[in-house]
């Protein structure tokens, strides 16, 4: 093989290595984004938060009813 062909093949191999590294970086970025998305949209945590809010709302409604009864009794 001539030196010119060897140099061309070396250049091609070098570029393939660079592209492989770029692909690996892209793959890592995608995995990181997927993890972040799954963390942000954890359905179980949302359910727990909703349940807590409903409990708090129910407690507030109970207190409101008690106060209304007390006001009626005091009249």
Foldseek 3Di string as FASTA:
>chain_A
DDPVVVVVVVVVVVVVVVVVVVVVVVVVVVVVVVVVVCVVPVPVVVVVVVVVVVVVVVVVVVVVVVVVVVVVVVD
